[in-house]
Amino acid sequence: MVDLLRNALLTAISENGLDLLIKFSLAGLSLVVFYYIIVVVSNRIEQKIIGDTIDQNKYTLRTAKLLGQIVFIFLMICAFLISLEIV
């Protein structure tokens, strides 16, 4: 079973090696670009929540951080799925 999978993988690489390399590099590059965009967006959301509040107590700061992390995780999952679609 392992030999069959290994042979299938080696055949796919030998026939479509350059195409796979281009797709993987594009997927990695898009994931890096999405990461930087997502970091900026999640930080902007945190700062907007903190800036819009009248009193900045520890619960407001924690809520802003939590929402920023939730948005970050959701957008990273979407970016990962997009990069998988490229491959």
C-alpha atoms as a PDB file:
ATOM      1  CA  MET A   1       0.000   0.000   0.000  1.00  0.00           C
ATOM      2  CA  VAL A   2       2.798   2.407   0.926  1.00  0.00           C
ATOM      3  CA  ASP A   3       4.726   1.453  -2.215  1.00  0.00           C
ATOM      4  CA  LEU A   4       1.645   2.128  -4.336  1.00  0.00           C
ATOM      5  CA  LEU A   5       1.212   5.599  -2.825  1.00  0.00           C
ATOM      6  CA  ARG A   6       4.920   6.338  -3.177  1.00  0.00           C
ATOM      7  CA  ASN A   7       4.917   5.271  -6.820  1.00  0.00           C
ATOM      8  CA  ALA A   8       1.803   7.330  -7.541  1.00  0.00           C
ATOM      9  CA  LEU A   9       3.397  10.379  -5.911  1.00  0.00           C
ATOM     10  CA  LEU A  10       6.661   9.939  -7.804  1.00  0.00           C
ATOM     11  CA  THR A  11       4.754   9.541 -11.076  1.00  0.00           C
ATOM     12  CA  ALA A  12       2.736  12.683 -10.425  1.00  0.00           C
ATOM     13  CA  ILE A  13       5.871  14.662  -9.570  1.00  0.00           C
ATOM     14  CA  SER A  14       7.781  13.411 -12.602  1.00  0.00           C
ATOM     15  CA  GLU A  15       4.900  14.218 -14.979  1.00  0.00           C
ATOM     16  CA  ASN A  16       3.686  17.493 -13.423  1.00  0.00           C
ATOM     17  CA  GLY A  17       6.616  18.582 -11.266  1.00  0.00           C
ATOM     18  CA  LEU A  18       6.957  22.137 -12.532  1.00  0.00           C
ATOM     19  CA  ASP A  19       3.222  22.710 -12.452  1.00  0.00           C
ATOM     20  CA  LEU A  20       3.003  21.461  -8.862  1.00  0.00           C
ATOM     21  CA  LEU A  21       5.960  23.613  -7.842  1.00  0.00           C
ATOM     22  CA  ILE A  22       4.328  26.712  -9.323  1.00  0.00           C
ATOM     23  CA  LYS A  23       1.008  25.962  -7.648  1.00  0.00           C
ATOM     24  CA  PHE A  24       2.595  25.347  -4.243  1.00  0.00           C
ATOM     25  CA  SER A  25       4.680  28.501  -4.473  1.00  0.00           C
ATOM     26  CA  LEU A  26       1.628  30.572  -5.459  1.00  0.00           C
ATOM     27  CA  ALA A  27      -0.353  29.054  -2.606  1.00  0.00           C
ATOM     28  CA  GLY A  28       2.420  29.826  -0.122  1.00  0.00           C
ATOM     29  CA  LEU A  29       2.825  33.358  -1.416  1.00  0.00           C
ATOM     30  CA  SER A  30      -0.909  33.994  -1.239  1.00  0.00           C
ATOM     31  CA  LEU A  31      -1.011  32.633   2.304  1.00  0.00           C
ATOM     32  CA  VAL A  32       1.770  35.020   3.364  1.00  0.00           C
ATOM     33  CA  VAL A  33       0.017  37.992   1.734  1.00  0.00           C
ATOM     34  CA  PHE A  34      -3.298  37.038   3.324  1.00  0.00           C
ATOM     35  CA  TYR A  35      -1.564  36.697   6.708  1.00  0.00           C
ATOM     36  CA  TYR A  36      -0.270  40.270   6.623  1.00  0.00           C
ATOM     37  CA  ILE A  37      -3.636  41.619   5.482  1.00  0.00           C
ATOM     38  CA  ILE A  38      -5.445  39.668   8.202  1.00  0.00           C
ATOM     39  CA  VAL A  39      -3.068  40.934  10.904  1.00  0.00           C
ATOM     40  CA  VAL A  40      -3.752  44.518   9.846  1.00  0.00           C
ATOM     41  CA  VAL A  41      -7.524  43.946   9.762  1.00  0.00           C
ATOM     42  CA  SER A  42      -7.688  42.236  13.158  1.00  0.00           C
ATOM     43  CA  ASN A  43      -5.516  44.915  14.774  1.00  0.00           C
ATOM     44  CA  ARG A  44      -7.694  47.606  13.223  1.00  0.00           C
ATOM     45  CA  ILE A  45     -10.807  45.948  14.657  1.00  0.00           C
ATOM     46  CA  GLU A  46      -9.227  45.839  18.122  1.00  0.00           C
ATOM     47  CA  GLN A  47      -8.214  49.499  17.955  1.00  0.00           C
ATOM     48  CA  LYS A  48     -11.637  50.531  16.673  1.00  0.00           C
ATOM     49  CA  ILE A  49     -13.388  48.756  19.568  1.00  0.00           C
ATOM     50  CA  ILE A  50     -11.017  50.276  22.111  1.00  0.00           C
ATOM     51  CA  GLY A  51     -11.311  53.737  20.577  1.00  0.00           C
ATOM     52  CA  ASP A  52     -15.120  53.731  20.460  1.00  0.00           C
ATOM     53  CA  THR A  53     -15.615  53.017  24.156  1.00  0.00           C
ATOM     54  CA  ILE A  54     -16.136  55.723  26.742  1.00  0.00           C
ATOM     55  CA  ASP A  55     -14.345  53.944  29.558  1.00  0.00           C
ATOM     56  CA  GLN A  56     -11.429  51.646  28.839  1.00  0.00           C
ATOM     57  CA  ASN A  57     -11.480  49.115  31.615  1.00  0.00           C
ATOM     58  CA  LYS A  58      -9.859  45.685  31.524  1.00  0.00           C
ATOM     59  CA  TYR A  59     -13.051  44.008  30.269  1.00  0.00           C
ATOM     60  CA  THR A  60     -13.239  46.275  27.253  1.00  0.00           C
ATOM     61  CA  LEU A  61      -9.623  45.548  26.423  1.00  0.00           C
ATOM     62  CA  ARG A  62     -10.156  41.803  26.832  1.00  0.00           C
ATOM     63  CA  THR A  63     -13.289  41.891  24.684  1.00  0.00           C
ATOM     64  CA  ALA A  64     -11.477  43.805  21.958  1.00  0.00           C
ATOM     65  CA  LYS A  65      -8.601  41.318  22.051  1.00  0.00           C
ATOM     66  CA  LEU A  66     -11.012  38.362  21.950  1.00  0.00           C
ATOM     67  CA  LEU A  67     -12.930  39.725  18.962  1.00  0.00           C
ATOM     68  CA  GLY A  68      -9.671  40.489  17.177  1.00  0.00           C
ATOM     69  CA  GLN A  69      -8.512  36.907  17.727  1.00  0.00           C
ATOM     70  CA  ILE A  70     -11.841  35.470  16.550  1.00  0.00           C
ATOM     71  CA  VAL A  71     -11.684  37.527  13.357  1.00  0.00           C
ATOM     72  CA  PHE A  72      -8.039  36.544  12.878  1.00  0.00           C
ATOM     73  CA  ILE A  73      -8.775  32.819  13.200  1.00  0.00           C
ATOM     74  CA  PHE A  74     -11.825  32.963  10.929  1.00  0.00           C
ATOM     75  CA  LEU A  75      -9.975  34.870   8.219  1.00  0.00           C
ATOM     76  CA  MET A  76      -6.922  32.593   8.469  1.00  0.00           C
ATOM     77  CA  ILE A  77      -9.149  29.553   7.948  1.00  0.00           C
ATOM     78  CA  CYS A  78     -10.607  31.250   4.878  1.00  0.00           C
ATOM     79  CA  ALA A  79      -7.108  32.111   3.604  1.00  0.00           C
ATOM     80  CA  PHE A  80      -5.949  28.529   4.152  1.00  0.00           C
ATOM     81  CA  LEU A  81      -8.932  27.210   2.207  1.00  0.00           C
ATOM     82  CA  ILE A  82      -8.220  29.653  -0.621  1.00  0.00           C
ATOM     83  CA  SER A  83      -4.593  28.522  -0.754  1.00  0.00           C
ATOM     84  CA  LEU A  84      -5.742  24.892  -0.859  1.00  0.00           C
ATOM     85  CA  GLU A  85      -8.022  25.791  -3.746  1.00  0.00           C
ATOM     86  CA  ILE A  86      -4.995  27.160  -5.624  1.00  0.00           C
ATOM     87  CA  VAL A  87      -3.199  23.861  -5.216  1.00  0.00           C
END
